[in-house]
PDB file of N, CA and C in Angstrom:
ATOM      1  N   MET A   1       5.736  10.475  16.127  1.00  0.00           N
ATOM      2  CA  MET A   1       4.580   9.775  16.615  1.00  0.00           C
ATOM      3  C   MET A   1       5.014   8.994  17.844  1.00  0.00           C
ATOM      4  N   ARG A   2       4.330   9.236  18.928  1.00  0.00           N
ATOM      5  CA  ARG A   2       4.655   8.499  20.144  1.00  0.00           C
ATOM      6  C   ARG A   2       3.991   7.145  20.071  1.00  0.00           C
ATOM      7  N   THR A   3       4.791   6.117  20.275  1.00  0.00           N
ATOM      8  CA  THR A   3       4.263   4.764  20.174  1.00  0.00           C
ATOM      9  C   THR A   3       5.110   3.800  20.975  1.00  0.00           C
ATOM     10  N   ASP A   4       4.496   2.724  21.353  1.00  0.00           N
ATOM     11  CA  ASP A   4       5.200   1.635  22.029  1.00  0.00           C
ATOM     12  C   ASP A   4       5.197   0.404  21.138  1.00  0.00           C
ATOM     13  N   ILE A   5       5.078   0.626  19.845  1.00  0.00           N
ATOM     14  CA  ILE A   5       4.985  -0.489  18.905  1.00  0.00           C
ATOM     15  C   ILE A   5       6.347  -1.149  18.741  1.00  0.00           C
ATOM     16  N   GLU A   6       6.341  -2.452  18.788  1.00  0.00           N
ATOM     17  CA  GLU A   6       7.538  -3.222  18.506  1.00  0.00           C
ATOM     18  C   GLU A   6       7.681  -3.331  16.996  1.00  0.00           C
ATOM     19  N   PRO A   7       8.877  -3.651  16.486  1.00  0.00           N
ATOM     20  CA  PRO A   7       9.082  -3.709  15.035  1.00  0.00           C
ATOM     21  C   PRO A   7       8.074  -4.569  14.292  1.00  0.00           C
ATOM     22  N   GLU A   8       7.586  -5.623  14.906  1.00  0.00           N
ATOM     23  CA  GLU A   8       6.650  -6.491  14.197  1.00  0.00           C
ATOM     24  C   GLU A   8       5.192  -6.101  14.427  1.00  0.00           C
ATOM     25  N   GLY A   9       4.930  -4.943  15.013  1.00  0.00           N
ATOM     26  CA  GLY A   9       3.565  -4.476  15.200  1.00  0.00           C
ATOM     27  C   GLY A   9       3.191  -4.396  16.670  1.00  0.00           C
ATOM     28  N   ILE A  10       1.930  -4.211  16.920  1.00  0.00           N
ATOM     29  CA  ILE A  10       1.434  -4.086  18.286  1.00  0.00           C
ATOM     30  C   ILE A  10       1.215  -5.474  18.874  1.00  0.00           C
ATOM     31  N   PRO A  11       1.827  -5.763  20.012  1.00  0.00           N
ATOM     32  CA  PRO A  11       1.601  -7.064  20.649  1.00  0.00           C
ATOM     33  C   PRO A  11       0.130  -7.217  21.036  1.00  0.00           C
ATOM     34  N   THR A  12      -0.328  -8.432  21.141  1.00  0.00           N
ATOM     35  CA  THR A  12      -1.725  -8.722  21.459  1.00  0.00           C
ATOM     36  C   THR A  12      -2.160  -8.052  22.752  1.00  0.00           C
ATOM     37  N   GLU A  13      -1.310  -8.011  23.747  1.00  0.00           N
ATOM     38  CA  GLU A  13      -1.705  -7.472  25.048  1.00  0.00           C
ATOM     39  C   GLU A  13      -1.661  -5.957  25.110  1.00  0.00           C
ATOM     40  N   MET A  14      -1.133  -5.296  24.100  1.00  0.00           N
ATOM     41  CA  MET A  14      -1.025  -3.847  24.130  1.00  0.00           C
ATOM     42  C   MET A  14      -2.355  -3.206  23.736  1.00  0.00           C
ATOM     43  N   PRO A  15      -2.799  -2.185  24.469  1.00  0.00           N
ATOM     44  CA  PRO A  15      -4.049  -1.516  24.107  1.00  0.00           C
ATOM     45  C   PRO A  15      -3.912  -0.751  22.791  1.00  0.00           C
ATOM     46  N   LEU A  16      -5.027  -0.583  22.102  1.00  0.00           N
ATOM     47  CA  LEU A  16      -4.994   0.114  20.819  1.00  0.00           C
ATOM     48  C   LEU A  16      -4.643   1.582  20.969  1.00  0.00           C
ATOM     49  N   ALA A  17      -4.743   2.136  22.149  1.00  0.00           N
ATOM     50  CA  ALA A  17      -4.418   3.540  22.363  1.00  0.00           C
ATOM     51  C   ALA A  17      -2.915   3.758  22.467  1.00  0.00           C
ATOM     52  N   ALA A  18      -2.132   2.796  22.004  1.00  0.00           N
ATOM     53  CA  ALA A  18      -0.682   2.867  22.134  1.00  0.00           C
ATOM     54  C   ALA A  18      -0.060   3.874  21.174  1.00  0.00           C
ATOM     55  N   ILE A  19      -0.798   4.340  20.192  1.00  0.00           N
ATOM     56  CA  ILE A  19      -0.265   5.276  19.220  1.00  0.00           C
ATOM     57  C   ILE A  19      -0.906   6.638  19.443  1.00  0.00           C
ATOM     58  N   LYS A  20      -0.075   7.673  19.521  1.00  0.00           N
ATOM     59  CA  LYS A  20      -0.562   9.032  19.679  1.00  0.00           C
ATOM     60  C   LYS A  20       0.141   9.912  18.656  1.00  0.00           C
ATOM     61  N   ILE A  21      -0.636  10.574  17.828  1.00  0.00           N
ATOM     62  CA  ILE A  21      -0.093  11.483  16.826  1.00  0.00           C
ATOM     63  C   ILE A  21       0.070  12.841  17.491  1.00  0.00           C
ATOM     64  N   GLU A  22       1.292  13.371  17.433  1.00  0.00           N
ATOM     65  CA  GLU A  22       1.576  14.625  18.117  1.00  0.00           C
ATOM     66  C   GLU A  22       1.906  15.767  17.164  1.00  0.00           C
ATOM     67  N   THR A  23       2.308  15.468  15.932  1.00  0.00           N
ATOM     68  CA  THR A  23       2.686  16.514  14.987  1.00  0.00           C
ATOM     69  C   THR A  23       2.078  16.220  13.618  1.00  0.00           C
ATOM     70  N   LEU A  24       2.111  17.226  12.752  1.00  0.00           N
ATOM     71  CA  LEU A  24       1.622  17.032  11.392  1.00  0.00           C
ATOM     72  C   LEU A  24       2.462  15.981  10.661  1.00  0.00           C
ATOM     73  N   GLU A  25       3.752  15.954  10.938  1.00  0.00           N
ATOM     74  CA  GLU A  25       4.630  14.930  10.342  1.00  0.00           C
ATOM     75  C   GLU A  25       4.204  13.531  10.793  1.00  0.00           C
ATOM     76  N   ASP A  26       3.868  13.389  12.071  1.00  0.00           N
ATOM     77  CA  ASP A  26       3.357  12.113  12.582  1.00  0.00           C
ATOM     78  C   ASP A  26       2.086  11.716  11.840  1.00  0.00           C
ATOM     79  N   TYR A  27       1.203  12.693  11.641  1.00  0.00           N
ATOM     80  CA  TYR A  27      -0.059  12.447  10.948  1.00  0.00           C
ATOM     81  C   TYR A  27       0.198  11.929   9.534  1.00  0.00           C
ATOM     82  N   GLU A  28       1.105  12.577   8.831  1.00  0.00           N
ATOM     83  CA  GLU A  28       1.418  12.158   7.466  1.00  0.00           C
ATOM     84  C   GLU A  28       2.014  10.754   7.434  1.00  0.00           C
ATOM     85  N   LYS A  29       2.910  10.461   8.371  1.00  0.00           N
ATOM     86  CA  LYS A  29       3.502   9.117   8.450  1.00  0.00           C
ATOM     87  C   LYS A  29       2.427   8.071   8.742  1.00  0.00           C
ATOM     88  N   ALA A  30       1.499   8.425   9.634  1.00  0.00           N
ATOM     89  CA  ALA A  30       0.437   7.486  10.001  1.00  0.00           C
ATOM     90  C   ALA A  30      -0.462   7.181   8.809  1.00  0.00           C
ATOM     91  N   THR A  31      -0.806   8.200   8.017  1.00  0.00           N
ATOM     92  CA  THR A  31      -1.670   7.956   6.866  1.00  0.00           C
ATOM     93  C   THR A  31      -0.968   7.114   5.809  1.00  0.00           C
ATOM     94  N   ILE A  32       0.315   7.314   5.642  1.00  0.00           N
ATOM     95  CA  ILE A  32       1.088   6.486   4.699  1.00  0.00           C
ATOM     96  C   ILE A  32       1.110   5.043   5.185  1.00  0.00           C
ATOM     97  N   ARG A  33       1.321   4.857   6.483  1.00  0.00           N
ATOM     98  CA  ARG A  33       1.371   3.506   7.052  1.00  0.00           C
ATOM     99  C   ARG A  33       0.020   2.805   6.939  1.00  0.00           C
ATOM    100  N   VAL A  34      -1.063   3.549   7.106  1.00  0.00           N
ATOM    101  CA  VAL A  34      -2.403   2.964   6.954  1.00  0.00           C
ATOM    102  C   VAL A  34      -2.559   2.409   5.552  1.00  0.00           C
ATOM    103  N   ALA A  35      -2.134   3.169   4.559  1.00  0.00           N
ATOM    104  CA  ALA A  35      -2.222   2.694   3.169  1.00  0.00           C
ATOM    105  C   ALA A  35      -1.399   1.425   2.968  1.00  0.00           C
ATOM    106  N   GLU A  36      -0.242   1.343   3.615  1.00  0.00           N
ATOM    107  CA  GLU A  36       0.607   0.149   3.501  1.00  0.00           C
ATOM    108  C   GLU A  36      -0.048  -1.071   4.151  1.00  0.00           C
ATOM    109  N   LEU A  37      -0.777  -0.842   5.234  1.00  0.00           N
ATOM    110  CA  LEU A  37      -1.364  -1.947   6.000  1.00  0.00           C
ATOM    111  C   LEU A  37      -2.739  -2.372   5.495  1.00  0.00           C
ATOM    112  N   ALA A  38      -3.348  -1.573   4.659  1.00  0.00           N
ATOM    113  CA  ALA A  38      -4.704  -1.868   4.189  1.00  0.00           C
ATOM    114  C   ALA A  38      -4.747  -3.252   3.548  1.00  0.00           C
ATOM    115  N   GLY A  39      -5.762  -4.021   3.912  1.00  0.00           N
ATOM    116  CA  GLY A  39      -5.959  -5.336   3.316  1.00  0.00           C
ATOM    117  C   GLY A  39      -5.305  -6.492   4.054  1.00  0.00           C
ATOM    118  N   HIS A  40      -4.676  -6.249   5.199  1.00  0.00           N
ATOM    119  CA  HIS A  40      -4.090  -7.355   5.952  1.00  0.00           C
ATOM    120  C   HIS A  40      -5.189  -8.193   6.605  1.00  0.00           C
ATOM    121  N   PHE A  41      -4.871  -9.434   6.822  1.00  0.00           N
ATOM    122  CA  PHE A  41      -5.824 -10.365   7.402  1.00  0.00           C
ATOM    123  C   PHE A  41      -6.132 -10.015   8.850  1.00  0.00           C
ATOM    124  N   GLU A  42      -7.350 -10.363   9.280  1.00  0.00           N
ATOM    125  CA  GLU A  42      -7.752 -10.138  10.658  1.00  0.00           C
ATOM    126  C   GLU A  42      -6.912 -10.987  11.608  1.00  0.00           C
ATOM    127  N   SER A  43      -6.846 -10.535  12.850  1.00  0.00           N
ATOM    128  CA  SER A  43      -6.139 -11.237  13.927  1.00  0.00           C
ATOM    129  C   SER A  43      -4.640 -11.329  13.690  1.00  0.00           C
ATOM    130  N   THR A  44      -4.080 -10.347  13.002  1.00  0.00           N
ATOM    131  CA  THR A  44      -2.634 -10.282  12.817  1.00  0.00           C
ATOM    132  C   THR A  44      -2.133  -9.021  13.499  1.00  0.00           C
ATOM    133  N   SER A  45      -0.828  -8.940  13.733  1.00  0.00           N
ATOM    134  CA  SER A  45      -0.262  -7.743  14.340  1.00  0.00           C
ATOM    135  C   SER A  45      -0.448  -6.538  13.424  1.00  0.00           C
ATOM    136  N   GLU A  46      -0.429  -6.764  12.119  1.00  0.00           N
ATOM    137  CA  GLU A  46      -0.635  -5.665  11.175  1.00  0.00           C
ATOM    138  C   GLU A  46      -2.052  -5.112  11.285  1.00  0.00           C
ATOM    139  N   GLU A  47      -3.034  -6.000  11.449  1.00  0.00           N
ATOM    140  CA  GLU A  47      -4.419  -5.569  11.578  1.00  0.00           C
ATOM    141  C   GLU A  47      -4.607  -4.772  12.863  1.00  0.00           C
ATOM    142  N   ARG A  48      -3.959  -5.182  13.953  1.00  0.00           N
ATOM    143  CA  ARG A  48      -4.043  -4.439  15.217  1.00  0.00           C
ATOM    144  C   ARG A  48      -3.351  -3.090  15.083  1.00  0.00           C
ATOM    145  N   GLU A  49      -2.224  -3.056  14.388  1.00  0.00           N
ATOM    146  CA  GLU A  49      -1.530  -1.792  14.159  1.00  0.00           C
ATOM    147  C   GLU A  49      -2.407  -0.859  13.322  1.00  0.00           C
ATOM    148  N   LEU A  50      -3.050  -1.387  12.292  1.00  0.00           N
ATOM    149  CA  LEU A  50      -3.936  -0.602  11.442  1.00  0.00           C
ATOM    150  C   LEU A  50      -5.069   0.007  12.271  1.00  0.00           C
ATOM    151  N   ALA A  51      -5.685  -0.772  13.121  1.00  0.00           N
ATOM    152  CA  ALA A  51      -6.777  -0.273  13.962  1.00  0.00           C
ATOM    153  C   ALA A  51      -6.287   0.843  14.886  1.00  0.00           C
ATOM    154  N   ALA A  52      -5.102   0.672  15.466  1.00  0.00           N
ATOM    155  CA  ALA A  52      -4.552   1.694  16.359  1.00  0.00           C
ATOM    156  C   ALA A  52      -4.230   2.975  15.599  1.00  0.00           C
ATOM    157  N   LEU A  53      -3.696   2.835  14.396  1.00  0.00           N
ATOM    158  CA  LEU A  53      -3.380   4.012  13.583  1.00  0.00           C
ATOM    159  C   LEU A  53      -4.646   4.762  13.176  1.00  0.00           C
ATOM    160  N   VAL A  54      -5.659   4.030  12.755  1.00  0.00           N
ATOM    161  CA  VAL A  54      -6.920   4.666  12.357  1.00  0.00           C
ATOM    162  C   VAL A  54      -7.525   5.408  13.548  1.00  0.00           C
ATOM    163  N   ASP A  55      -7.485   4.807  14.718  1.00  0.00           N
ATOM    164  CA  ASP A  55      -7.999   5.452  15.917  1.00  0.00           C
ATOM    165  C   ASP A  55      -7.224   6.738  16.211  1.00  0.00           C
ATOM    166  N   ALA A  56      -5.911   6.682  16.117  1.00  0.00           N
ATOM    167  CA  ALA A  56      -5.077   7.861  16.371  1.00  0.00           C
ATOM    168  C   ALA A  56      -5.335   8.953  15.337  1.00  0.00           C
ATOM    169  N   ILE A  57      -5.508   8.568  14.082  1.00  0.00           N
ATOM    170  CA  ILE A  57      -5.793   9.546  13.021  1.00  0.00           C
ATOM    171  C   ILE A  57      -7.147  10.215  13.273  1.00  0.00           C
ATOM    172  N   MET A  58      -8.139   9.433  13.653  1.00  0.00           N
ATOM    173  CA  MET A  58      -9.463   9.995  13.920  1.00  0.00           C
ATOM    174  C   MET A  58      -9.415  10.987  15.086  1.00  0.00           C
ATOM    175  N   LYS A  59      -8.660  10.665  16.120  1.00  0.00           N
ATOM    176  CA  LYS A  59      -8.521  11.585  17.255  1.00  0.00           C
ATOM    177  C   LYS A  59      -7.831  12.871  16.822  1.00  0.00           C
ATOM    178  N   TRP A  60      -6.788  12.765  16.001  1.00  0.00           N
ATOM    179  CA  TRP A  60      -6.082  13.939  15.492  1.00  0.00           C
ATOM    180  C   TRP A  60      -7.036  14.789  14.652  1.00  0.00           C
ATOM    181  N   ASP A  61      -7.765  14.143  13.750  1.00  0.00           N
ATOM    182  CA  ASP A  61      -8.697  14.871  12.889  1.00  0.00           C
ATOM    183  C   ASP A  61      -9.731  15.633  13.710  1.00  0.00           C
ATOM    184  N   GLN A  62     -10.280  14.987  14.710  1.00  0.00           N
ATOM    185  CA  GLN A  62     -11.298  15.628  15.536  1.00  0.00           C
ATOM    186  C   GLN A  62     -10.710  16.819  16.290  1.00  0.00           C
ATOM    187  N   ALA A  63      -9.515  16.682  16.802  1.00  0.00           N
ATOM    188  CA  ALA A  63      -8.883  17.754  17.571  1.00  0.00           C
ATOM    189  C   ALA A  63      -8.431  18.920  16.695  1.00  0.00           C
ATOM    190  N   HIS A  64      -8.214  18.666  15.413  1.00  0.00           N
ATOM    191  CA  HIS A  64      -7.686  19.701  14.520  1.00  0.00           C
ATOM    192  C   HIS A  64      -8.657  20.123  13.429  1.00  0.00           C
ATOM    193  N   ASP A  65      -9.920  19.788  13.587  1.00  0.00           N
ATOM    194  CA  ASP A  65     -10.941  20.146  12.605  1.00  0.00           C
ATOM    195  C   ASP A  65     -11.442  21.557  12.903  1.00  0.00           C
ATOM    196  N   ASP A  66     -11.126  22.508  12.039  1.00  0.00           N
ATOM    197  CA  ASP A  66     -11.532  23.898  12.239  1.00  0.00           C
ATOM    198  C   ASP A  66     -13.047  24.052  12.272  1.00  0.00           C
ATOM    199  N   ALA A  67     -13.761  23.210  11.600  1.00  0.00           N
ATOM    200  CA  ALA A  67     -15.222  23.310  11.545  1.00  0.00           C
ATOM    201  C   ALA A  67     -15.861  23.027  12.903  1.00  0.00           C
ATOM    202  N   THR A  68     -15.180  22.267  13.757  1.00  0.00           N
ATOM    203  CA  THR A  68     -15.754  21.966  15.070  1.00  0.00           C
ATOM    204  C   THR A  68     -15.233  22.920  16.143  1.00  0.00           C
ATOM    205  N   GLY A  69     -14.346  23.822  15.784  1.00  0.00           N
ATOM    206  CA  GLY A  69     -13.753  24.739  16.756  1.00  0.00           C
ATOM    207  C   GLY A  69     -14.720  25.760  17.318  1.00  0.00           C
ATOM    208  N   TRP A  70     -15.843  26.011  16.661  1.00  0.00           N
ATOM    209  CA  TRP A  70     -16.792  27.026  17.111  1.00  0.00           C
ATOM    210  C   TRP A  70     -17.687  26.559  18.252  1.00  0.00           C
ATOM    211  N   ARG A  71     -17.698  25.268  18.517  1.00  0.00           N
ATOM    212  CA  ARG A  71     -18.585  24.739  19.578  1.00  0.00           C
ATOM    213  C   ARG A  71     -18.188  25.249  20.932  1.00  0.00           C
TER     214      ARG A  71
END
């Protein structure tokens, strides 16, 4: 997974598009991390990381959804 995340999460000034899922392994790691981060308080680095991961997962899902490939 390509990311610019620091060990303690995404810094406040970093855009949420900082995470990009490039492989199926990245996707699996991201979904596991989302489960770990679920329930964190708002306005924390964990909450920002969670939002970035969810955004990256949604982009991956949309790009790899066979049902939308016919369009």
